[in-house]
N, C-alpha and C. Protein backbone atom coordinates (compact mmCIF):
# COMPACT_ATOMS: atom_id res chain seq x y z
N UNK A 1 -0.56 -3.87 21.58
CA UNK A 1 -0.32 -4.02 20.16
C UNK A 1 -0.47 -5.89 20.02
N UNK A 2 -1.00 -6.14 18.84
CA UNK A 2 -0.98 -7.66 18.31
C UNK A 2 0.07 -8.11 17.43
N UNK A 3 0.49 -8.98 17.63
CA UNK A 3 1.60 -9.83 16.47
C UNK A 3 0.82 -10.11 15.10
N UNK A 4 1.50 -9.79 13.90
CA UNK A 4 1.34 -10.11 12.78
C UNK A 4 2.31 -10.23 11.80
N UNK A 5 1.99 -11.17 10.98
CA UNK A 5 3.28 -11.62 10.27
C UNK A 5 3.53 -10.80 9.05
N UNK A 6 4.65 -10.44 8.27
CA UNK A 6 4.72 -9.29 7.25
C UNK A 6 5.13 -10.21 6.22
N UNK A 7 4.77 -9.81 4.90
CA UNK A 7 5.72 -10.32 3.77
C UNK A 7 5.21 -8.61 2.48
N UNK A 8 6.41 -9.06 1.74
CA UNK A 8 6.59 -7.39 0.99
C UNK A 8 7.12 -8.29 -0.24
N UNK A 9 6.24 -8.78 -1.37
CA UNK A 9 6.26 -9.82 -2.22
C UNK A 9 6.61 -9.02 -3.40
N UNK A 10 7.16 -9.54 -4.48
CA UNK A 10 7.84 -8.71 -5.35
C UNK A 10 6.78 -8.92 -7.04
N UNK A 11 5.85 -9.79 -6.92
CA UNK A 11 5.34 -10.32 -8.17
C UNK A 11 3.55 -10.11 -7.70
N UNK A 12 2.98 -9.84 -8.23
CA UNK A 12 1.35 -10.01 -8.13
C UNK A 12 0.85 -11.66 -7.78
N UNK A 13 1.74 -12.56 -8.86
CA UNK A 13 1.52 -13.97 -8.33
C UNK A 13 1.70 -14.20 -7.06
N UNK A 14 3.20 -13.72 -6.38
CA UNK A 14 3.68 -13.46 -5.19
C UNK A 14 2.41 -13.51 -3.95
N UNK A 15 1.93 -12.24 -4.34
CA UNK A 15 1.03 -11.57 -3.30
C UNK A 15 -0.17 -12.64 -3.37
N UNK A 16 -0.75 -12.97 -4.81
CA UNK A 16 -2.09 -13.58 -4.48
C UNK A 16 -1.65 -14.71 -4.07
N UNK A 17 -0.80 -15.61 -3.87
CA UNK A 17 -0.59 -16.92 -2.98
C UNK A 17 -0.62 -16.61 -1.81
N UNK A 18 0.13 -15.43 -1.37
CA UNK A 18 0.52 -15.17 0.17
C UNK A 18 -1.20 -15.10 0.38
N UNK A 19 -2.02 -14.32 -0.12
CA UNK A 19 -3.42 -13.95 0.19
C UNK A 19 -4.31 -15.34 0.33
N UNK A 20 -4.13 -16.17 -0.28
CA UNK A 20 -4.74 -17.34 -0.79
C UNK A 20 -4.33 -18.43 0.62
N UNK A 21 -2.95 -17.82 1.03
CA UNK A 21 -2.47 -19.14 2.11
C UNK A 21 -3.08 -18.34 3.53
N UNK A 22 -3.37 -17.27 3.86
CA UNK A 22 -3.66 -16.35 4.93
C UNK A 22 -5.07 -15.95 5.05
N UNK A 23 -5.89 -16.70 5.29
CA UNK A 23 -7.11 -16.65 5.46
C UNK A 23 -7.54 -15.11 5.89
N UNK A 24 -7.01 -14.70 6.79
CA UNK A 24 -7.37 -13.21 7.04
C UNK A 24 -6.41 -12.41 7.20
N UNK A 25 -5.41 -12.42 6.04
CA UNK A 25 -4.34 -11.77 5.43
C UNK A 25 -5.21 -10.26 5.09
N UNK A 26 -4.31 -9.42 4.95
CA UNK A 26 -4.87 -8.02 4.24
C UNK A 26 -3.81 -7.77 3.39
N UNK A 27 -4.00 -6.96 2.32
CA UNK A 27 -3.20 -6.01 1.57
C UNK A 27 -2.88 -5.17 2.13
N UNK A 28 -1.49 -4.40 1.79
CA UNK A 28 -1.35 -3.12 2.33
C UNK A 28 -0.78 -2.42 1.16
N UNK A 29 -1.07 -1.26 0.99
CA UNK A 29 -0.35 -0.21 0.14
C UNK A 29 -0.07 0.92 0.71
N UNK A 30 -0.89 2.02 0.34
CA UNK A 30 -0.74 3.48 0.99
C UNK A 30 -1.08 2.88 2.71
N UNK A 31 -2.08 2.62 2.84
CA UNK A 31 -2.47 2.01 4.71
C UNK A 31 -3.22 3.32 5.20
N UNK A 32 -3.83 3.93 4.38
CA UNK A 32 -4.77 5.27 4.95
C UNK A 32 -6.25 4.57 5.26
N UNK A 33 -6.45 3.76 5.08
CA UNK A 33 -7.63 3.08 5.77
C UNK A 33 -7.57 1.72 6.70
N UNK A 34 -6.36 0.96 6.07
CA UNK A 34 -6.09 -0.04 7.03
C UNK A 34 -5.66 -0.40 8.47
N UNK A 35 -4.69 1.04 8.44
CA UNK A 35 -3.71 1.25 9.31
C UNK A 35 -4.50 1.80 10.45
N UNK A 36 -5.45 2.57 10.22
CA UNK A 36 -6.21 3.36 10.96
C UNK A 36 -7.26 2.29 11.85
N UNK A 37 -7.74 1.73 11.04
CA UNK A 37 -8.67 0.63 11.46
C UNK A 37 -8.18 -0.39 12.19
N UNK A 38 -6.94 -0.66 11.85
CA UNK A 38 -6.32 -1.65 12.91
C UNK A 38 -6.02 -0.95 14.22
N UNK A 39 -5.55 0.09 14.04
CA UNK A 39 -5.59 0.66 15.44
C UNK A 39 -6.76 1.03 16.28
N UNK A 40 -7.66 1.11 15.66
CA UNK A 40 -8.75 1.21 16.56
C UNK A 40 -9.55 -0.42 16.86
N UNK A 41 -8.52 -1.61 16.67
CA UNK A 41 -8.93 -2.87 16.59
C UNK A 41 -10.37 -3.14 16.05
N UNK A 42 -10.47 -2.56 14.75
CA UNK A 42 -11.59 -2.89 14.29
C UNK A 42 -11.08 -3.97 13.15
N UNK A 43 -10.09 -3.94 12.98
CA UNK A 43 -9.02 -5.46 12.14
C UNK A 43 -8.08 -5.72 12.62
N UNK A 44 -7.73 -7.06 13.08
CA UNK A 44 -6.55 -7.68 13.61
C UNK A 44 -6.23 -8.83 12.75
N UNK A 45 -5.64 -8.42 11.17
CA UNK A 45 -5.31 -9.68 10.51
C UNK A 45 -3.87 -10.26 11.16
N UNK A 46 -3.84 -11.52 10.89
CA UNK A 46 -2.56 -12.31 11.18
C UNK A 46 -1.38 -12.03 10.35
N UNK A 47 -1.83 -11.35 9.33
CA UNK A 47 -0.99 -11.21 8.19
C UNK A 47 -1.08 -10.18 7.22
N UNK A 48 0.25 -9.31 7.04
CA UNK A 48 -0.20 -8.21 6.24
C UNK A 48 1.13 -8.50 5.16
N UNK A 49 0.47 -7.93 3.78
CA UNK A 49 0.63 -7.97 2.57
C UNK A 49 1.07 -7.22 1.95
N UNK A 50 2.26 -6.44 2.00
CA UNK A 50 2.47 -5.10 1.38
C UNK A 50 2.93 -4.89 -0.21
N UNK A 51 2.08 -4.53 -0.73
CA UNK A 51 2.44 -4.33 -2.16
C UNK A 51 3.09 -3.67 -2.77
N UNK A 52 3.77 -2.84 -1.96
CA UNK A 52 4.60 -1.54 -2.13
C UNK A 52 5.78 -1.82 -3.18
N UNK A 53 6.30 -3.10 -2.97
CA UNK A 53 7.22 -3.75 -4.31
C UNK A 53 6.87 -4.61 -5.49
N UNK A 54 5.61 -4.92 -5.20
CA UNK A 54 5.06 -5.36 -6.50
C UNK A 54 5.28 -4.39 -7.84
N UNK A 55 5.78 -5.44 -8.72
CA UNK A 55 6.08 -4.48 -10.24
C UNK A 55 4.85 -4.94 -10.85
N UNK A 56 4.67 -3.80 -11.46
CA UNK A 56 3.58 -3.66 -12.39
C UNK A 56 2.10 -3.38 -12.25
N UNK A 57 2.18 -2.83 -10.77
CA UNK A 57 0.86 -2.55 -10.54
C UNK A 57 0.72 -1.40 -9.91
N UNK A 58 1.16 -0.16 -10.99
CA UNK A 58 0.89 1.28 -10.95
C UNK A 58 1.42 1.95 -12.32
N UNK A 59 0.87 2.98 -12.20
CA UNK A 59 1.45 3.38 -13.63
C UNK A 59 -0.24 3.70 -14.56
N UNK A 60 -0.25 4.77 -15.37
CA UNK A 60 -1.39 4.82 -16.27
C UNK A 60 -0.93 5.20 -17.79
N UNK A 61 -1.74 4.33 -18.58
CA UNK A 61 -1.66 4.03 -19.83
C UNK A 61 -3.26 4.03 -20.38
N UNK A 62 -3.15 4.82 -21.86
CA UNK A 62 -4.16 4.58 -22.60
C UNK A 62 -4.49 3.28 -23.47
N UNK A 63 -5.17 2.55 -23.60
CA UNK A 63 -5.57 1.40 -24.48
C UNK A 63 -6.88 1.39 -24.70
N UNK A 64 -6.70 1.79 -26.35
CA UNK A 64 -8.26 1.62 -26.78
C UNK A 64 -9.14 2.78 -26.04
N UNK A 65 -10.28 2.63 -25.78
CA UNK A 65 -11.07 3.56 -25.31
C UNK A 65 -11.20 3.67 -23.74
N UNK A 66 -10.13 3.07 -23.32
CA UNK A 66 -10.32 2.82 -21.70
C UNK A 66 -8.41 3.76 -21.09
N UNK A 67 -8.53 4.08 -20.03
CA UNK A 67 -7.60 4.60 -19.34
C UNK A 67 -7.31 3.78 -18.56
N UNK A 68 -6.13 3.04 -18.42
CA UNK A 68 -5.78 1.97 -17.52
C UNK A 68 -5.10 2.19 -16.32
N UNK A 69 -5.62 2.50 -15.29
CA UNK A 69 -4.56 2.94 -13.81
C UNK A 69 -4.67 1.44 -13.18
N UNK A 70 -2.92 1.44 -12.64
CA UNK A 70 -2.63 0.46 -12.25
C UNK A 70 -3.04 0.71 -10.10
N UNK A 71 -3.63 -0.52 -9.59
CA UNK A 71 -4.06 -0.16 -8.37
C UNK A 71 -3.26 0.32 -7.17
N UNK A 72 -1.76 0.64 -7.24
CA UNK A 72 -1.07 1.11 -6.76
C UNK A 72 -0.70 2.40 -7.02
N UNK A 73 -1.23 2.76 -7.94
CA UNK A 73 -1.18 4.34 -8.44
C UNK A 73 -1.71 5.36 -7.50
N UNK A 74 -0.58 6.23 -6.97
CA UNK A 74 -1.08 7.17 -5.67
C UNK A 74 -2.09 8.27 -6.35
N UNK A 75 -2.90 8.91 -5.35
CA UNK A 75 -3.93 9.90 -6.05
C UNK A 75 -3.02 10.98 -6.54
N UNK A 76 -1.98 11.41 -6.05
CA UNK A 76 -1.24 12.48 -6.80
C UNK A 76 -1.09 12.11 -8.07
N UNK A 77 -0.50 11.43 -8.37
CA UNK A 77 -0.42 10.91 -9.77
C UNK A 77 -1.42 10.91 -10.97
N UNK A 78 -2.69 10.12 -10.12
CA UNK A 78 -3.90 10.45 -11.10
C UNK A 78 -4.53 11.98 -11.22
N UNK A 79 -4.09 12.79 -10.04
CA UNK A 79 -4.59 14.14 -10.55
C UNK A 79 -3.53 14.57 -11.41
N UNK A 80 -2.68 14.61 -11.69
CA UNK A 80 -1.44 15.25 -12.48
C UNK A 80 -0.94 14.58 -13.68
N UNK A 81 -1.56 13.45 -14.12
CA UNK A 81 -1.65 13.08 -15.00
C UNK A 81 -2.25 13.51 -16.34
N UNK A 82 -0.87 13.97 -17.43
CA UNK A 82 -1.66 14.44 -18.37
C UNK A 82 -3.04 13.66 -19.04
N UNK A 83 -2.51 12.55 -19.23
CA UNK A 83 -3.39 11.43 -20.06
C UNK A 83 -4.65 11.18 -19.45
N UNK A 84 -4.94 11.24 -17.96
CA UNK A 84 -6.21 11.25 -17.23
C UNK A 84 -6.66 12.74 -17.69
N UNK A 85 -6.13 13.97 -17.22
CA UNK A 85 -6.62 15.18 -17.30
C UNK A 85 -7.31 15.09 -18.87
N UNK A 86 -6.80 14.64 -19.77
CA UNK A 86 -7.32 14.68 -21.09
C UNK A 86 -8.52 14.39 -21.52
N UNK A 87 -8.50 13.03 -20.72
CA UNK A 87 -9.47 11.67 -21.34
C UNK A 87 -10.37 11.76 -20.31
N UNK A 88 -10.39 11.72 -18.78
CA UNK A 88 -11.09 11.71 -17.70
C UNK A 88 -10.98 13.13 -17.04
N UNK A 89 -11.32 14.19 -17.20
CA UNK A 89 -10.77 15.60 -16.75
C UNK A 89 -11.63 15.56 -15.17
N UNK A 90 -12.93 14.78 -15.00
CA UNK A 90 -13.39 14.51 -13.68
C UNK A 90 -12.76 13.43 -12.53
N UNK A 91 -12.37 12.53 -13.26
CA UNK A 91 -11.43 11.84 -12.21
C UNK A 91 -10.29 12.52 -11.97
N UNK A 92 -9.19 13.06 -12.73
CA UNK A 92 -8.00 13.78 -12.24
C UNK A 92 -8.44 14.77 -11.29
N UNK A 93 -9.63 15.80 -11.36
CA UNK A 93 -10.28 16.83 -10.72
C UNK A 93 -10.43 16.20 -9.16
N UNK A 94 -11.09 14.86 -9.27
CA UNK A 94 -11.57 14.27 -7.96
C UNK A 94 -10.33 14.01 -7.58
N UNK A 95 -9.25 13.16 -8.11
CA UNK A 95 -8.07 12.67 -7.36
C UNK A 95 -7.61 14.22 -6.48
N UNK A 96 -7.51 15.14 -7.32
CA UNK A 96 -6.81 16.20 -6.67
C UNK A 96 -7.12 16.84 -5.39
N UNK A 97 -8.47 16.58 -4.98
CA UNK A 97 -8.91 16.90 -4.05
C UNK A 97 -9.20 15.84 -2.74
N UNK A 98 -8.70 14.41 -3.05
CA UNK A 98 -8.57 13.75 -2.07
C UNK A 98 -8.02 13.83 -0.81
N UNK A 99 -8.74 13.81 0.51
CA UNK A 99 -7.81 14.12 1.71
C UNK A 99 -6.98 15.50 1.72
N UNK A 100 -5.59 15.16 2.22
CA UNK A 100 -4.41 16.55 1.93
C UNK A 100 -3.26 16.34 1.27
N UNK A 101 -2.56 16.95 1.45
CA UNK A 101 -1.56 16.20 0.25
C UNK A 101 -0.60 14.89 1.18
N UNK A 102 -0.78 14.54 2.04
CA UNK A 102 -0.01 13.50 2.62
C UNK A 102 -0.97 12.32 2.46
N UNK A 103 -2.25 12.47 2.27
CA UNK A 103 -2.99 11.37 1.69
C UNK A 103 -2.62 11.27 0.33
N UNK A 104 -3.03 12.23 -0.51
CA UNK A 104 -2.68 12.21 -1.89
C UNK A 104 -1.55 11.34 -2.43
N UNK A 105 -0.62 11.37 -1.60
CA UNK A 105 0.95 11.04 -1.85
C UNK A 105 1.21 9.75 -1.28
N UNK A 106 0.17 9.55 -0.65
CA UNK A 106 0.79 8.26 0.25
C UNK A 106 -1.04 7.31 -0.53
N UNK A 107 -1.76 7.58 -0.39
CA UNK A 107 -2.99 6.59 -0.68
C UNK A 107 -3.02 6.08 -2.00
N UNK A 108 -3.42 5.26 -2.31
CA UNK A 108 -3.64 4.58 -3.78
C UNK A 108 -5.04 4.52 -4.02
N UNK A 109 -5.09 4.27 -5.76
CA UNK A 109 -6.72 4.21 -6.11
C UNK A 109 -7.32 2.96 -6.13
N UNK A 110 -6.27 2.08 -5.77
CA UNK A 110 -6.32 0.66 -6.14
C UNK A 110 -7.48 0.63 -4.29
N UNK A 111 -6.57 0.99 -3.13
CA UNK A 111 -6.98 0.75 -1.66
C UNK A 111 -7.98 1.61 -1.56
N UNK A 112 -8.30 2.91 -2.50
CA UNK A 112 -9.87 3.59 -2.29
C UNK A 112 -10.85 2.76 -2.55
N UNK A 113 -10.69 1.92 -3.64
CA UNK A 113 -11.70 1.47 -4.38
C UNK A 113 -11.99 -0.12 -3.64
N UNK A 114 -11.01 -0.38 -3.59
CA UNK A 114 -11.17 -1.96 -2.87
C UNK A 114 -11.89 -2.20 -1.03
N UNK A 115 -11.65 -0.86 -0.80
CA UNK A 115 -12.40 -0.77 0.66
C UNK A 115 -13.63 -0.33 0.12
N UNK A 116 -14.71 -0.77 0.00
CA UNK A 116 -16.07 0.07 -0.69
C UNK A 116 -16.47 1.01 0.39
N UNK A 117 -15.83 2.12 0.93
CA UNK A 117 -16.72 2.60 1.95
C UNK A 117 -17.58 3.88 1.20
N UNK A 118 -18.57 3.70 1.26
CA UNK A 118 -19.65 4.54 0.68
C UNK A 118 -19.51 6.37 0.82
N UNK A 119 -18.62 6.34 2.14
CA UNK A 119 -18.13 7.62 2.24
C UNK A 119 -16.88 8.36 1.36
N UNK A 120 -16.52 7.58 0.76
CA UNK A 120 -15.17 7.37 -0.48
C UNK A 120 -15.56 7.72 -1.72
N UNK A 121 -14.73 9.20 -2.10
CA UNK A 121 -14.93 9.72 -3.44
C UNK A 121 -14.88 8.59 -4.68
N UNK A 122 -13.78 7.87 -4.76
CA UNK A 122 -13.24 7.23 -5.96
C UNK A 122 -14.35 5.88 -6.10
N UNK A 123 -14.95 5.46 -5.09
CA UNK A 123 -15.69 4.08 -5.41
C UNK A 123 -17.32 5.00 -6.47
N UNK A 124 -17.74 5.77 -6.03
CA UNK A 124 -18.56 6.77 -6.49
C UNK A 124 -18.31 7.23 -7.63
N UNK A 125 -17.14 7.92 -7.96
CA UNK A 125 -16.99 8.38 -9.29
C UNK A 125 -16.89 7.68 -10.42
N UNK A 126 -16.13 6.16 -9.86
CA UNK A 126 -15.46 5.35 -10.95
C UNK A 126 -16.79 4.21 -11.37
N UNK A 127 -17.68 4.46 -10.40
CA UNK A 127 -19.14 3.54 -10.77
C UNK A 127 -19.82 4.41 -11.88
N UNK A 128 -19.60 6.03 -11.40
CA UNK A 128 -20.49 6.67 -12.41
C UNK A 128 -19.75 7.21 -13.93
N UNK A 129 -18.73 6.74 -13.88
CA UNK A 129 -17.64 6.86 -15.03
C UNK A 129 -17.95 5.51 -15.95
N UNK A 130 -18.24 4.31 -15.28
CA UNK A 130 -18.81 3.18 -15.74
C UNK A 130 -17.14 2.12 -15.69
N UNK A 131 -16.56 2.83 -14.82
CA UNK A 131 -15.49 1.65 -14.74
C UNK A 131 -15.65 0.15 -14.67
N UNK A 132 -14.07 -0.16 -14.96
CA UNK A 132 -14.26 -1.82 -14.67
C UNK A 132 -13.22 -2.07 -14.09
N UNK A 133 -13.16 -2.98 -13.16
CA UNK A 133 -12.21 -3.27 -11.84
C UNK A 133 -11.59 -4.68 -12.24
N UNK A 134 -10.18 -5.08 -12.48
CA UNK A 134 -9.32 -6.34 -12.78
C UNK A 134 -9.10 -6.60 -11.41
N UNK A 135 -9.62 -7.70 -10.77
CA UNK A 135 -8.81 -8.02 -9.69
C UNK A 135 -7.84 -9.68 -10.04
N UNK A 136 -7.22 -10.05 -9.31
CA UNK A 136 -6.22 -11.25 -9.68
C UNK A 136 -6.31 -11.91 -8.18
N UNK A 137 -6.54 -13.42 -8.28
CA UNK A 137 -6.72 -14.23 -7.33
C UNK A 137 -5.69 -15.91 -7.51
N UNK A 138 -5.68 -16.37 -6.75
CA UNK A 138 -4.99 -17.76 -7.17
C UNK A 138 -5.27 -18.23 -8.38
N UNK A 139 -6.83 -18.24 -8.62
CA UNK A 139 -7.20 -18.64 -10.17
C UNK A 139 -7.21 -17.99 -11.47
N UNK A 140 -6.50 -16.89 -10.83
CA UNK A 140 -6.12 -16.00 -12.33
C UNK A 140 -7.12 -14.67 -11.97
N UNK A 141 -6.91 -13.77 -13.31
CA UNK A 141 -7.34 -12.69 -13.14
C UNK A 141 -8.82 -12.35 -13.51
N UNK A 142 -10.05 -11.85 -13.32
CA UNK A 142 -11.24 -11.63 -13.54
C UNK A 142 -11.64 -10.06 -13.67
N UNK A 143 -12.38 -9.59 -14.43
CA UNK A 143 -12.92 -8.29 -14.60
C UNK A 143 -14.32 -8.43 -13.81
N UNK A 144 -14.60 -7.20 -13.15
CA UNK A 144 -15.95 -6.89 -12.37
C UNK A 144 -16.20 -5.40 -12.81
N UNK A 145 -17.21 -5.45 -13.41
CA UNK A 145 -17.93 -3.95 -13.60
C UNK A 145 -17.96 -3.24 -12.36
N UNK A 146 -18.07 -1.70 -12.31
CA UNK A 146 -18.13 -1.36 -11.20
C UNK A 146 -19.32 -1.62 -10.81
N UNK A 147 -20.84 -1.78 -11.66
CA UNK A 147 -22.08 -1.45 -11.17
C UNK A 147 -22.06 -2.87 -9.97
N UNK A 148 -21.24 -3.73 -10.15
CA UNK A 148 -21.53 -5.31 -10.13
C UNK A 148 -20.37 -5.27 -8.52
N UNK A 149 -19.69 -4.67 -8.51
CA UNK A 149 -18.68 -4.59 -7.26
C UNK A 149 -18.86 -4.36 -6.03
N UNK A 150 -19.91 -3.46 -5.65
CA UNK A 150 -20.36 -2.93 -4.55
C UNK A 150 -21.55 -3.54 -4.22
N UNK A 151 -21.59 -4.74 -3.13
CA UNK A 151 -22.23 -5.53 -3.08
C UNK A 151 -23.70 -5.38 -1.38
N UNK A 152 -22.61 -4.33 -0.83
CA UNK A 152 -23.40 -3.94 0.49
C UNK A 152 -22.39 -2.75 1.09
N UNK A 153 -22.78 -2.60 2.39
CA UNK A 153 -22.17 -1.74 3.01
C UNK A 153 -20.75 -2.40 3.45
N UNK A 154 -19.48 -1.58 3.23
CA UNK A 154 -18.11 -2.23 3.32
C UNK A 154 -18.18 -3.49 2.61
N UNK A 155 -18.68 -3.82 1.88
CA UNK A 155 -18.82 -5.38 0.90
C UNK A 155 -18.36 -5.10 -0.81
N UNK A 156 -17.32 -5.84 -0.95
CA UNK A 156 -17.40 -5.89 -2.62
C UNK A 156 -17.37 -7.27 -3.07
N UNK A 157 -17.48 -7.31 -4.41
CA UNK A 157 -17.32 -8.90 -5.24
C UNK A 157 -16.23 -9.62 -5.26
N UNK A 158 -15.25 -9.20 -4.70
CA UNK A 158 -13.83 -9.78 -4.52
C UNK A 158 -13.85 -11.13 -3.49
N UNK A 159 -13.24 -11.96 -4.03
CA UNK A 159 -13.20 -13.38 -3.06
C UNK A 159 -12.22 -13.09 -2.01
N UNK A 160 -12.22 -13.49 -0.78
CA UNK A 160 -11.23 -13.45 -0.12
C UNK A 160 -9.75 -13.16 -0.55
N UNK A 161 -9.64 -14.29 -1.15
CA UNK A 161 -8.28 -14.42 -2.02
C UNK A 161 -7.66 -13.66 -3.18
N UNK A 162 -8.72 -12.88 -3.37
CA UNK A 162 -8.10 -11.59 -4.61
C UNK A 162 -7.83 -10.64 -4.23
N UNK A 163 -7.12 -9.63 -5.05
CA UNK A 163 -6.88 -8.29 -4.82
C UNK A 163 -7.27 -7.37 -6.20
N UNK A 164 -7.52 -6.20 -6.04
CA UNK A 164 -7.71 -5.50 -6.86
C UNK A 164 -6.34 -5.34 -7.84
N UNK A 165 -6.39 -5.46 -9.05
CA UNK A 165 -4.90 -5.06 -9.61
C UNK A 165 -4.88 -3.59 -10.68
N UNK A 166 -6.06 -3.54 -11.03
CA UNK A 166 -6.07 -2.10 -11.94
C UNK A 166 -7.59 -1.73 -11.94
N UNK A 167 -7.76 -0.65 -12.74
CA UNK A 167 -8.83 -0.06 -13.10
C UNK A 167 -9.01 0.50 -14.25
N UNK A 168 -10.08 0.10 -14.93
CA UNK A 168 -10.16 0.50 -16.31
C UNK A 168 -11.61 1.50 -16.39
N UNK A 169 -11.06 2.96 -16.85
CA UNK A 169 -12.05 3.87 -16.88
C UNK A 169 -12.14 4.32 -18.33
N UNK A 170 -13.60 3.91 -18.97
CA UNK A 170 -13.64 4.55 -20.17
C UNK A 170 -13.11 6.19 -20.24
N UNK A 171 -12.75 6.90 -21.44
CA UNK A 171 -12.48 7.89 -21.64
C UNK A 171 -13.61 8.79 -21.84
N UNK A 172 -13.89 9.82 -21.61
CA UNK A 172 -15.08 11.08 -21.18
C UNK A 172 -15.65 11.46 -22.79
N UNK A 173 -14.69 11.55 -23.77
CA UNK A 173 -14.89 12.15 -24.86
C UNK A 173 -15.92 13.34 -24.67
N UNK A 174 -15.36 14.14 -24.04
CA UNK A 174 -15.86 15.48 -24.16
C UNK A 174 -17.15 15.76 -23.26
N UNK A 175 -17.42 14.67 -22.56
CA UNK A 175 -18.73 14.79 -21.80
C UNK A 175 -18.45 16.01 -20.77
N UNK A 176 -19.50 16.59 -20.25
CA UNK A 176 -19.68 17.46 -19.30
C UNK A 176 -19.58 16.69 -17.99
N UNK A 177 -19.39 17.48 -16.85
CA UNK A 177 -19.28 16.94 -15.51
C UNK A 177 -19.11 17.67 -14.58
N UNK A 178 -19.51 17.50 -13.15
CA UNK A 178 -19.39 17.99 -12.25
C UNK A 178 -19.78 17.43 -10.87
N UNK A 179 -18.62 17.87 -9.84
CA UNK A 179 -18.42 17.14 -8.90
C UNK A 179 -18.55 17.65 -7.44
N UNK A 180 -19.71 17.31 -6.47
CA UNK A 180 -20.23 18.00 -5.97
C UNK A 180 -19.64 17.41 -4.47
N UNK A 181 -19.18 17.82 -3.61
CA UNK A 181 -18.42 17.09 -2.05
C UNK A 181 -18.87 17.49 -0.95
N UNK A 182 -19.61 16.60 -0.19
CA UNK A 182 -20.20 17.08 1.09
C UNK A 182 -19.19 16.70 2.32
N UNK A 183 -18.33 17.61 2.36
CA UNK A 183 -17.43 17.58 3.63
C UNK A 183 -17.91 17.48 4.84
N UNK A 184 -16.79 16.35 5.32
CA UNK A 184 -17.67 16.10 6.57
C UNK A 184 -16.35 16.54 7.37
N UNK A 185 -16.16 16.43 8.83
CA UNK A 185 -15.22 17.28 9.90
C UNK A 185 -14.17 15.49 9.92
N UNK A 186 -13.10 16.12 9.84
CA UNK A 186 -11.81 15.35 10.30
C UNK A 186 -12.52 14.48 11.34
N UNK A 187 -12.41 13.38 11.36
CA UNK A 187 -12.51 11.94 12.10
C UNK A 187 -13.63 11.16 11.73
N UNK A 188 -14.64 12.06 11.09
CA UNK A 188 -16.22 11.46 11.02
C UNK A 188 -16.00 10.27 10.26
N UNK A 189 -16.74 9.31 10.99
CA UNK A 189 -17.36 8.14 10.33
C UNK A 189 -18.51 7.78 9.64
């Protein structure tokens, strides 16, 4: 095992500052992707910034024509939210089928989106739904349309010192939907 520094900031500003000061630092919330990647020695950050104590980065609320979901909101909360079920039933259904109960109760919507794995369900779904992602870094917040966020294989439009703080998804307004999942075997890459 290798050594790394560990920080648990309490505000988005503190987390962004730590990320800006640690060029190869990584943010951690659910750890569903980062920890296995570290175990396989595919990532070895010098600093881990644990977002779990950061206030204001989880929760679901309706704002105008959008449902705003904090990046630290767990998949299980998205799946069971009456607000999401009413306004974006496709997203609620998808979130209810992510991984197994342990993954749904630990993994976050922000982690799934910020790690742009083409095999992940949430990036494709939020892209199809016309979502906007709000990121924050030391220079402040900015919004990135989902269609502009994914720039290549495991690459996104966030700067190295930015982190995803919220996801804004337009309401479906009664639109029909279907989600077909290709199930891989456990541990497939």
